[in-house]
Amino acid sequence: MKKILIILALILPLSVVHAMTLGDLFSKGNTPKNTQLPQFSVVDINGKTHNNNTVKGKYLVVNFWATWCPPCLKEIPAFVDFYEKHSDKVEILGMDYEQADVDKITEFTDSFMVNYPIVLSDDNNRPEFKKFGKIVGMPTTYIYTPDGVLINRYMGEINIKTLEKSIR
């Protein structure tokens, strides 16, 4: 019995610290104050360029995702609904964080009826992805104000309520 208690005493604090660290790292309260949108320029799967000038004056939602990520797939319908309702004041960039063929991703996004730009991680876009920060888990979402200030960042699946709360 003593051995079990000793093992628990050693393991439990580590798991609590680890969980708190990850939670704290990506909570709204720890979003760095006055973090500005980086200077970026990416090209989506339709050949359209997106950069600081093209998103100026709109909220920007940058969502890093992958086809192999179950939480990413679960949140796509929320992004589709959100963009349908708010595309007049919001731009979403779906940053596909895997090296994938354009045809495969187009077929995939068509099956989900994705209505916002999808950007592939290719030789040209990959350096631009890094400008948003290190991605440590999928999905990861950054939300910027119309004047380019980071207001929220999330690691994990988010829903339409969370997205709508961010733009009010």
N, C-alpha and C. Protein backbone atom coordinates (compact mmCIF):
# COMPACT_ATOMS: atom_id res chain seq x y z
N MET A 1 0.82 -1.19 0.00
CA MET A 1 0.00 0.00 0.00
C MET A 1 0.87 1.26 0.00
N LYS A 2 1.98 1.23 0.78
CA LYS A 2 2.87 2.38 0.82
C LYS A 2 3.45 2.67 -0.56
N LYS A 3 3.79 1.59 -1.29
CA LYS A 3 4.37 1.77 -2.62
C LYS A 3 3.38 2.48 -3.56
N ILE A 4 2.13 2.10 -3.48
CA ILE A 4 1.09 2.72 -4.32
C ILE A 4 0.96 4.20 -3.98
N LEU A 5 0.93 4.51 -2.69
CA LEU A 5 0.83 5.91 -2.28
C LEU A 5 2.02 6.73 -2.72
N ILE A 6 3.20 6.16 -2.63
CA ILE A 6 4.41 6.87 -3.07
C ILE A 6 4.36 7.12 -4.57
N ILE A 7 3.97 6.12 -5.32
CA ILE A 7 3.87 6.27 -6.77
C ILE A 7 2.84 7.34 -7.12
N LEU A 8 1.69 7.30 -6.49
CA LEU A 8 0.66 8.32 -6.74
C LEU A 8 1.16 9.72 -6.36
N ALA A 9 1.87 9.79 -5.25
CA ALA A 9 2.40 11.09 -4.81
C ALA A 9 3.39 11.66 -5.81
N LEU A 10 4.12 10.79 -6.48
CA LEU A 10 5.08 11.24 -7.48
C LEU A 10 4.43 11.56 -8.82
N ILE A 11 3.45 10.79 -9.22
CA ILE A 11 2.84 10.94 -10.54
C ILE A 11 1.78 12.03 -10.58
N LEU A 12 0.92 12.09 -9.57
CA LEU A 12 -0.20 13.03 -9.58
C LEU A 12 0.23 14.49 -9.75
N PRO A 13 1.18 14.98 -8.97
CA PRO A 13 1.56 16.39 -9.17
C PRO A 13 2.07 16.67 -10.58
N LEU A 14 2.77 15.73 -11.16
CA LEU A 14 3.27 15.93 -12.53
C LEU A 14 2.14 16.04 -13.53
N SER A 15 1.12 15.20 -13.40
CA SER A 15 0.02 15.26 -14.36
C SER A 15 -0.80 16.53 -14.17
N VAL A 16 -0.97 16.99 -12.94
CA VAL A 16 -1.71 18.22 -12.70
C VAL A 16 -0.93 19.41 -13.26
N VAL A 17 0.37 19.46 -13.02
CA VAL A 17 1.19 20.55 -13.54
C VAL A 17 1.16 20.56 -15.05
N HIS A 18 1.29 19.39 -15.66
CA HIS A 18 1.27 19.29 -17.12
C HIS A 18 -0.06 19.79 -17.68
N ALA A 19 -1.17 19.36 -17.09
CA ALA A 19 -2.48 19.78 -17.59
C ALA A 19 -2.67 21.28 -17.41
N MET A 20 -2.25 21.81 -16.29
CA MET A 20 -2.39 23.24 -16.06
C MET A 20 -1.52 24.03 -17.02
N THR A 21 -0.34 23.55 -17.30
CA THR A 21 0.55 24.25 -18.21
C THR A 21 -0.05 24.33 -19.59
N LEU A 22 -0.56 23.23 -20.12
CA LEU A 22 -1.18 23.25 -21.44
C LEU A 22 -2.43 24.12 -21.43
N GLY A 23 -3.25 24.00 -20.40
CA GLY A 23 -4.46 24.81 -20.32
C GLY A 23 -4.12 26.30 -20.22
N ASP A 24 -3.15 26.60 -19.39
CA ASP A 24 -2.75 28.00 -19.23
C ASP A 24 -2.14 28.56 -20.50
N LEU A 25 -1.37 27.74 -21.18
CA LEU A 25 -0.68 28.19 -22.38
C LEU A 25 -1.64 28.68 -23.45
N PHE A 26 -2.80 28.06 -23.56
CA PHE A 26 -3.72 28.40 -24.63
C PHE A 26 -5.03 29.01 -24.16
N SER A 27 -5.09 29.44 -22.93
CA SER A 27 -6.32 30.06 -22.46
C SER A 27 -6.40 31.50 -22.96
N LYS A 28 -7.60 32.02 -23.01
CA LYS A 28 -7.80 33.40 -23.45
C LYS A 28 -7.04 34.36 -22.56
N GLY A 29 -7.01 34.08 -21.28
CA GLY A 29 -6.34 34.97 -20.35
C GLY A 29 -4.85 35.11 -20.60
N ASN A 30 -4.24 34.16 -21.25
CA ASN A 30 -2.81 34.23 -21.52
C ASN A 30 -2.50 34.67 -22.93
N THR A 31 -3.47 35.16 -23.66
CA THR A 31 -3.19 35.70 -24.98
C THR A 31 -2.35 36.95 -24.77
N PRO A 32 -1.15 36.99 -25.34
CA PRO A 32 -0.29 38.15 -25.12
C PRO A 32 -0.98 39.45 -25.53
N LYS A 33 -0.85 40.46 -24.69
CA LYS A 33 -1.46 41.75 -24.97
C LYS A 33 -0.76 42.41 -26.16
N ASN A 34 -1.55 43.02 -27.01
CA ASN A 34 -1.04 43.79 -28.14
C ASN A 34 -0.20 42.99 -29.13
N THR A 35 -0.41 41.68 -29.21
CA THR A 35 0.28 40.90 -30.23
C THR A 35 -0.36 41.23 -31.56
N GLN A 36 0.45 41.67 -32.49
CA GLN A 36 -0.05 42.09 -33.80
C GLN A 36 -0.02 40.93 -34.79
N LEU A 37 -0.91 41.02 -35.76
CA LEU A 37 -0.92 40.10 -36.87
C LEU A 37 0.42 40.20 -37.59
N PRO A 38 1.10 39.07 -37.82
CA PRO A 38 2.39 39.15 -38.52
C PRO A 38 2.18 39.56 -39.98
N GLN A 39 3.21 40.11 -40.58
CA GLN A 39 3.17 40.37 -42.02
C GLN A 39 3.22 39.01 -42.71
N PHE A 40 2.19 38.69 -43.48
CA PHE A 40 2.11 37.38 -44.11
C PHE A 40 1.53 37.51 -45.51
N SER A 41 1.76 36.48 -46.31
CA SER A 41 1.16 36.39 -47.64
C SER A 41 1.10 34.92 -48.02
N VAL A 42 -0.12 34.40 -48.19
CA VAL A 42 -0.32 33.00 -48.56
C VAL A 42 -1.22 32.94 -49.78
N VAL A 43 -1.14 31.82 -50.48
CA VAL A 43 -1.97 31.60 -51.66
C VAL A 43 -2.85 30.40 -51.40
N ASP A 44 -4.17 30.56 -51.59
CA ASP A 44 -5.10 29.46 -51.31
C ASP A 44 -5.15 28.47 -52.48
N ILE A 45 -5.95 27.42 -52.32
CA ILE A 45 -6.00 26.36 -53.34
C ILE A 45 -6.64 26.82 -54.65
N ASN A 46 -7.27 27.99 -54.63
CA ASN A 46 -7.84 28.55 -55.86
C ASN A 46 -6.92 29.57 -56.51
N GLY A 47 -5.72 29.75 -55.94
CA GLY A 47 -4.76 30.68 -56.52
C GLY A 47 -4.89 32.12 -56.05
N LYS A 48 -5.77 32.37 -55.09
CA LYS A 48 -5.97 33.73 -54.59
C LYS A 48 -4.99 34.01 -53.45
N THR A 49 -4.38 35.21 -53.49
CA THR A 49 -3.44 35.62 -52.46
C THR A 49 -4.19 36.28 -51.30
N HIS A 50 -3.78 35.92 -50.08
CA HIS A 50 -4.32 36.51 -48.85
C HIS A 50 -3.14 37.07 -48.07
N ASN A 51 -3.27 38.33 -47.66
CA ASN A 51 -2.20 38.97 -46.90
C ASN A 51 -2.80 40.04 -46.00
N ASN A 52 -1.93 40.79 -45.35
CA ASN A 52 -2.41 41.82 -44.41
C ASN A 52 -3.35 42.81 -45.09
N ASN A 53 -3.09 43.17 -46.33
CA ASN A 53 -3.94 44.13 -47.02
C ASN A 53 -5.31 43.56 -47.37
N THR A 54 -5.37 42.28 -47.73
CA THR A 54 -6.64 41.69 -48.15
C THR A 54 -7.58 41.41 -46.98
N VAL A 55 -7.03 41.32 -45.77
CA VAL A 55 -7.87 41.05 -44.59
C VAL A 55 -8.08 42.29 -43.73
N LYS A 56 -7.46 43.38 -44.09
CA LYS A 56 -7.56 44.62 -43.31
C LYS A 56 -9.02 45.05 -43.18
N GLY A 57 -9.40 45.43 -41.96
CA GLY A 57 -10.76 45.89 -41.71
C GLY A 57 -11.74 44.78 -41.37
N LYS A 58 -11.27 43.53 -41.37
CA LYS A 58 -12.11 42.39 -40.99
C LYS A 58 -11.45 41.65 -39.84
N TYR A 59 -12.27 40.96 -39.07
CA TYR A 59 -11.71 40.00 -38.13
C TYR A 59 -11.06 38.91 -38.95
N LEU A 60 -9.95 38.39 -38.46
CA LEU A 60 -9.27 37.29 -39.15
C LEU A 60 -9.20 36.09 -38.23
N VAL A 61 -9.71 34.97 -38.73
CA VAL A 61 -9.65 33.70 -38.02
C VAL A 61 -8.69 32.81 -38.81
N VAL A 62 -7.57 32.45 -38.18
CA VAL A 62 -6.57 31.60 -38.81
C VAL A 62 -6.66 30.25 -38.11
N ASN A 63 -7.10 29.24 -38.85
CA ASN A 63 -7.34 27.91 -38.28
C ASN A 63 -6.38 26.90 -38.88
N PHE A 64 -5.47 26.38 -38.07
CA PHE A 64 -4.55 25.33 -38.50
C PHE A 64 -5.22 23.99 -38.25
N TRP A 65 -5.31 23.16 -39.29
CA TRP A 65 -6.04 21.91 -39.23
C TRP A 65 -5.37 20.89 -40.14
N ALA A 66 -5.88 19.65 -40.10
CA ALA A 66 -5.40 18.58 -40.99
C ALA A 66 -6.52 17.56 -41.19
N THR A 67 -6.49 16.88 -42.30
CA THR A 67 -7.54 15.90 -42.61
C THR A 67 -7.50 14.70 -41.67
N TRP A 68 -6.36 14.41 -41.07
CA TRP A 68 -6.21 13.26 -40.19
C TRP A 68 -6.59 13.58 -38.74
N CYS A 69 -7.02 14.80 -38.47
CA CYS A 69 -7.29 15.28 -37.11
C CYS A 69 -8.80 15.25 -36.82
N PRO A 70 -9.29 14.30 -35.99
CA PRO A 70 -10.73 14.23 -35.71
C PRO A 70 -11.35 15.51 -35.15
N PRO A 71 -10.73 16.21 -34.17
CA PRO A 71 -11.34 17.46 -33.70
C PRO A 71 -11.41 18.52 -34.80
N CYS A 72 -10.44 18.51 -35.69
CA CYS A 72 -10.45 19.46 -36.82
C CYS A 72 -11.68 19.23 -37.69
N LEU A 73 -11.95 17.97 -37.96
CA LEU A 73 -13.08 17.63 -38.82
C LEU A 73 -14.41 17.97 -38.14
N LYS A 74 -14.45 17.81 -36.82
CA LYS A 74 -15.68 18.12 -36.08
C LYS A 74 -16.00 19.61 -36.10
N GLU A 75 -14.97 20.46 -36.14
CA GLU A 75 -15.24 21.90 -36.07
C GLU A 75 -15.48 22.54 -37.44
N ILE A 76 -15.19 21.85 -38.52
CA ILE A 76 -15.38 22.44 -39.86
C ILE A 76 -16.81 22.94 -40.08
N PRO A 77 -17.86 22.18 -39.73
CA PRO A 77 -19.22 22.71 -39.92
C PRO A 77 -19.48 24.02 -39.18
N ALA A 78 -18.87 24.20 -38.01
CA ALA A 78 -19.03 25.45 -37.27
C ALA A 78 -18.39 26.60 -38.03
N PHE A 79 -17.21 26.36 -38.58
CA PHE A 79 -16.54 27.39 -39.38
C PHE A 79 -17.36 27.73 -40.62
N VAL A 80 -17.92 26.73 -41.26
CA VAL A 80 -18.75 26.95 -42.46
C VAL A 80 -19.96 27.83 -42.10
N ASP A 81 -20.67 27.47 -41.03
CA ASP A 81 -21.84 28.25 -40.61
C ASP A 81 -21.44 29.67 -40.20
N PHE A 82 -20.37 29.77 -39.45
CA PHE A 82 -19.90 31.07 -38.98
C PHE A 82 -19.54 31.98 -40.16
N TYR A 83 -18.84 31.43 -41.14
CA TYR A 83 -18.43 32.22 -42.30
C TYR A 83 -19.64 32.62 -43.14
N GLU A 84 -20.59 31.73 -43.25
CA GLU A 84 -21.82 32.04 -44.00
C GLU A 84 -22.54 33.23 -43.38
N LYS A 85 -22.57 33.28 -42.06
CA LYS A 85 -23.28 34.35 -41.35
C LYS A 85 -22.49 35.66 -41.27
N HIS A 86 -21.16 35.57 -41.24
CA HIS A 86 -20.35 36.74 -40.90
C HIS A 86 -19.27 37.09 -41.93
N SER A 87 -19.33 36.57 -43.14
CA SER A 87 -18.26 36.82 -44.11
C SER A 87 -18.12 38.30 -44.48
N ASP A 88 -19.13 39.10 -44.17
CA ASP A 88 -19.03 40.54 -44.44
C ASP A 88 -18.04 41.22 -43.51
N LYS A 89 -17.80 40.64 -42.30
CA LYS A 89 -16.88 41.27 -41.37
C LYS A 89 -15.78 40.33 -40.85
N VAL A 90 -15.76 39.10 -41.39
CA VAL A 90 -14.78 38.11 -40.95
C VAL A 90 -14.16 37.42 -42.16
N GLU A 91 -12.85 37.19 -42.07
CA GLU A 91 -12.18 36.33 -43.05
C GLU A 91 -11.63 35.13 -42.28
N ILE A 92 -11.82 33.95 -42.83
CA ILE A 92 -11.26 32.74 -42.25
C ILE A 92 -10.23 32.21 -43.22
N LEU A 93 -9.08 31.83 -42.71
CA LEU A 93 -8.08 31.13 -43.51
C LEU A 93 -7.88 29.76 -42.89
N GLY A 94 -8.28 28.72 -43.62
CA GLY A 94 -8.09 27.35 -43.18
C GLY A 94 -6.72 26.87 -43.63
N MET A 95 -5.78 26.82 -42.71
CA MET A 95 -4.39 26.49 -43.01
C MET A 95 -4.19 24.98 -42.84
N ASP A 96 -4.22 24.25 -43.95
CA ASP A 96 -4.07 22.80 -43.92
C ASP A 96 -2.63 22.45 -43.58
N TYR A 97 -2.42 21.95 -42.37
CA TYR A 97 -1.08 21.76 -41.81
C TYR A 97 -0.52 20.37 -42.14
N GLU A 98 -0.64 19.99 -43.37
CA GLU A 98 -0.08 18.72 -43.83
C GLU A 98 0.34 18.91 -45.27
N GLN A 99 1.23 18.10 -45.72
CA GLN A 99 1.60 18.19 -47.13
C GLN A 99 0.65 17.27 -47.89
N ALA A 100 -0.25 17.90 -48.63
CA ALA A 100 -1.29 17.14 -49.32
C ALA A 100 -1.46 17.65 -50.74
N ASP A 101 -1.95 16.81 -51.56
CA ASP A 101 -2.23 17.12 -52.95
C ASP A 101 -3.44 18.04 -53.05
N VAL A 102 -3.37 19.04 -53.91
CA VAL A 102 -4.47 20.00 -54.08
C VAL A 102 -5.77 19.29 -54.42
N ASP A 103 -5.73 18.32 -55.32
CA ASP A 103 -6.95 17.61 -55.72
C ASP A 103 -7.58 16.88 -54.53
N LYS A 104 -6.74 16.26 -53.72
CA LYS A 104 -7.23 15.53 -52.54
C LYS A 104 -7.92 16.50 -51.57
N ILE A 105 -7.29 17.64 -51.32
CA ILE A 105 -7.85 18.61 -50.38
C ILE A 105 -9.11 19.25 -50.95
N THR A 106 -9.11 19.53 -52.25
CA THR A 106 -10.31 20.10 -52.88
C THR A 106 -11.48 19.14 -52.76
N GLU A 107 -11.25 17.87 -53.04
CA GLU A 107 -12.30 16.86 -52.91
C GLU A 107 -12.78 16.79 -51.45
N PHE A 108 -11.84 16.82 -50.53
CA PHE A 108 -12.15 16.76 -49.11
C PHE A 108 -12.99 17.97 -48.69
N THR A 109 -12.55 19.17 -49.02
CA THR A 109 -13.27 20.38 -48.59
C THR A 109 -14.62 20.49 -49.30
N ASP A 110 -14.71 20.02 -50.53
CA ASP A 110 -16.00 20.01 -51.22
C ASP A 110 -17.00 19.12 -50.49
N SER A 111 -16.52 18.00 -49.95
CA SER A 111 -17.43 17.08 -49.24
C SER A 111 -17.97 17.73 -47.95
N PHE A 112 -17.22 18.68 -47.39
CA PHE A 112 -17.67 19.40 -46.20
C PHE A 112 -18.33 20.73 -46.55
N MET A 113 -18.43 21.03 -47.86
CA MET A 113 -18.99 22.29 -48.36
C MET A 113 -18.31 23.51 -47.74
N VAL A 114 -16.97 23.44 -47.65
CA VAL A 114 -16.20 24.54 -47.09
C VAL A 114 -16.34 25.77 -47.97
N ASN A 115 -16.69 26.89 -47.37
CA ASN A 115 -16.96 28.12 -48.10
C ASN A 115 -15.93 29.22 -47.83
N TYR A 116 -14.87 28.89 -47.13
CA TYR A 116 -13.81 29.85 -46.81
C TYR A 116 -12.50 29.36 -47.44
N PRO A 117 -11.52 30.26 -47.62
CA PRO A 117 -10.28 29.89 -48.28
C PRO A 117 -9.48 28.83 -47.52
N ILE A 118 -8.95 27.88 -48.28
CA ILE A 118 -8.08 26.84 -47.73
C ILE A 118 -6.68 27.05 -48.30
N VAL A 119 -5.70 27.04 -47.41
CA VAL A 119 -4.31 27.28 -47.77
C VAL A 119 -3.51 26.03 -47.45
N LEU A 120 -2.81 25.51 -48.47
CA LEU A 120 -2.00 24.30 -48.28
C LEU A 120 -0.62 24.63 -47.72
N SER A 121 -0.09 23.68 -46.97
CA SER A 121 1.29 23.80 -46.48
C SER A 121 2.21 23.29 -47.58
N ASP A 122 2.55 24.18 -48.50
CA ASP A 122 3.46 23.82 -49.58
C ASP A 122 4.75 24.63 -49.44
N ASP A 123 5.65 24.48 -50.38
CA ASP A 123 6.95 25.15 -50.28
C ASP A 123 6.82 26.67 -50.15
N ASN A 124 5.83 27.27 -50.79
CA ASN A 124 5.66 28.72 -50.72
C ASN A 124 4.96 29.17 -49.45
N ASN A 125 3.94 28.45 -49.03
CA ASN A 125 3.15 28.87 -47.87
C ASN A 125 3.76 28.48 -46.52
N ARG A 126 4.50 27.38 -46.49
CA ARG A 126 5.00 26.85 -45.21
C ARG A 126 5.78 27.90 -44.40
N PRO A 127 6.68 28.68 -45.01
CA PRO A 127 7.37 29.71 -44.22
C PRO A 127 6.41 30.75 -43.63
N GLU A 128 5.31 31.00 -44.32
CA GLU A 128 4.31 31.96 -43.84
C GLU A 128 3.54 31.39 -42.65
N PHE A 129 3.29 30.08 -42.66
CA PHE A 129 2.60 29.44 -41.53
C PHE A 129 3.36 29.71 -40.24
N LYS A 130 4.68 29.61 -40.30
CA LYS A 130 5.52 29.76 -39.10
C LYS A 130 5.42 31.15 -38.49
N LYS A 131 5.04 32.14 -39.27
CA LYS A 131 4.95 33.51 -38.76
C LYS A 131 3.87 33.67 -37.70
N PHE A 132 2.90 32.76 -37.69
CA PHE A 132 1.82 32.84 -36.71
C PHE A 132 2.21 32.24 -35.36
N GLY A 133 3.31 31.52 -35.32
CA GLY A 133 3.76 30.90 -34.08
C GLY A 133 3.86 29.40 -34.22
N LYS A 134 4.47 28.80 -33.23
CA LYS A 134 4.66 27.35 -33.24
C LYS A 134 3.32 26.66 -32.97
N ILE A 135 3.00 25.70 -33.81
CA ILE A 135 1.77 24.93 -33.64
C ILE A 135 2.15 23.65 -32.89
N VAL A 136 1.58 23.48 -31.69
CA VAL A 136 1.92 22.32 -30.87
C VAL A 136 0.79 21.30 -30.80
N GLY A 137 -0.37 21.62 -31.36
CA GLY A 137 -1.49 20.69 -31.36
C GLY A 137 -2.52 21.10 -32.39
N MET A 138 -3.34 20.16 -32.77
CA MET A 138 -4.37 20.41 -33.77
C MET A 138 -5.75 20.23 -33.18
N PRO A 139 -6.68 21.03 -33.58
CA PRO A 139 -6.53 22.26 -34.34
C PRO A 139 -6.04 23.40 -33.45
N THR A 140 -5.46 24.41 -34.06
CA THR A 140 -5.08 25.63 -33.37
C THR A 140 -5.67 26.80 -34.14
N THR A 141 -6.31 27.71 -33.42
CA THR A 141 -7.00 28.84 -34.05
C THR A 141 -6.57 30.15 -33.40
N TYR A 142 -6.24 31.11 -34.25
CA TYR A 142 -5.91 32.47 -33.82
C TYR A 142 -7.00 33.40 -34.34
N ILE A 143 -7.43 34.35 -33.50
CA ILE A 143 -8.44 35.32 -33.91
C ILE A 143 -7.89 36.72 -33.69
N TYR A 144 -7.91 37.51 -34.78
CA TYR A 144 -7.39 38.88 -34.77
C TYR A 144 -8.52 39.87 -35.00
N THR A 145 -8.40 41.05 -34.40
CA THR A 145 -9.37 42.12 -34.61
C THR A 145 -9.18 42.73 -36.00
N PRO A 146 -10.13 43.55 -36.45
CA PRO A 146 -9.98 44.21 -37.76
C PRO A 146 -8.73 45.08 -37.88
N ASP A 147 -8.18 45.53 -36.76
CA ASP A 147 -6.94 46.30 -36.84
C ASP A 147 -5.70 45.45 -36.55
N GLY A 148 -5.87 44.12 -36.53
CA GLY A 148 -4.73 43.21 -36.48
C GLY A 148 -4.20 42.85 -35.12
N VAL A 149 -4.97 43.01 -34.07
CA VAL A 149 -4.52 42.64 -32.73
C VAL A 149 -5.06 41.24 -32.40
N LEU A 150 -4.18 40.37 -31.92
CA LEU A 150 -4.58 39.03 -31.51
C LEU A 150 -5.45 39.12 -30.27
N ILE A 151 -6.69 38.62 -30.37
CA ILE A 151 -7.58 38.67 -29.20
C ILE A 151 -7.82 37.30 -28.57
N ASN A 152 -7.69 36.23 -29.35
CA ASN A 152 -7.90 34.89 -28.82
C ASN A 152 -7.04 33.89 -29.58
N ARG A 153 -6.65 32.86 -28.87
CA ARG A 153 -6.02 31.71 -29.51
C ARG A 153 -6.49 30.47 -28.77
N TYR A 154 -6.76 29.45 -29.53
CA TYR A 154 -7.31 28.22 -28.98
C TYR A 154 -6.56 27.02 -29.54
N MET A 155 -6.31 26.05 -28.68
CA MET A 155 -5.82 24.76 -29.15
C MET A 155 -6.93 23.77 -28.82
N GLY A 156 -7.42 23.09 -29.85
CA GLY A 156 -8.52 22.17 -29.67
C GLY A 156 -9.73 22.67 -30.42
N GLU A 157 -10.72 21.82 -30.48
CA GLU A 157 -11.95 22.11 -31.22
C GLU A 157 -12.68 23.31 -30.60
N ILE A 158 -13.17 24.21 -31.47
CA ILE A 158 -14.01 25.30 -31.01
C ILE A 158 -15.34 25.24 -31.74
N ASN A 159 -16.33 25.95 -31.20
CA ASN A 159 -17.66 25.91 -31.79
C ASN A 159 -18.09 27.31 -32.25
N ILE A 160 -19.25 27.39 -32.84
CA ILE A 160 -19.72 28.65 -33.39
C ILE A 160 -19.97 29.69 -32.29
N LYS A 161 -20.41 29.26 -31.11
CA LYS A 161 -20.61 30.21 -30.01
C LYS A 161 -19.30 30.88 -29.61
N THR A 162 -18.25 30.11 -29.55
CA THR A 162 -16.93 30.65 -29.21
C THR A 162 -16.48 31.63 -30.28
N LEU A 163 -16.68 31.27 -31.54
CA LEU A 163 -16.30 32.16 -32.64
C LEU A 163 -17.10 33.47 -32.58
N GLU A 164 -18.40 33.36 -32.37
CA GLU A 164 -19.24 34.55 -32.35
C GLU A 164 -18.93 35.46 -31.16
N LYS A 165 -18.59 34.86 -30.03
CA LYS A 165 -18.20 35.64 -28.85
C LYS A 165 -16.96 36.49 -29.13
N SER A 166 -16.09 35.97 -29.97
CA SER A 166 -14.83 36.65 -30.26
C SER A 166 -15.00 37.89 -31.12
N ILE A 167 -16.08 37.98 -31.85
CA ILE A 167 -16.23 39.12 -32.77
C ILE A 167 -17.23 40.16 -32.27
N ARG A 168 -17.62 40.08 -31.06
CA ARG A 168 -18.58 41.06 -30.50
C ARG A 168 -17.88 42.19 -29.80
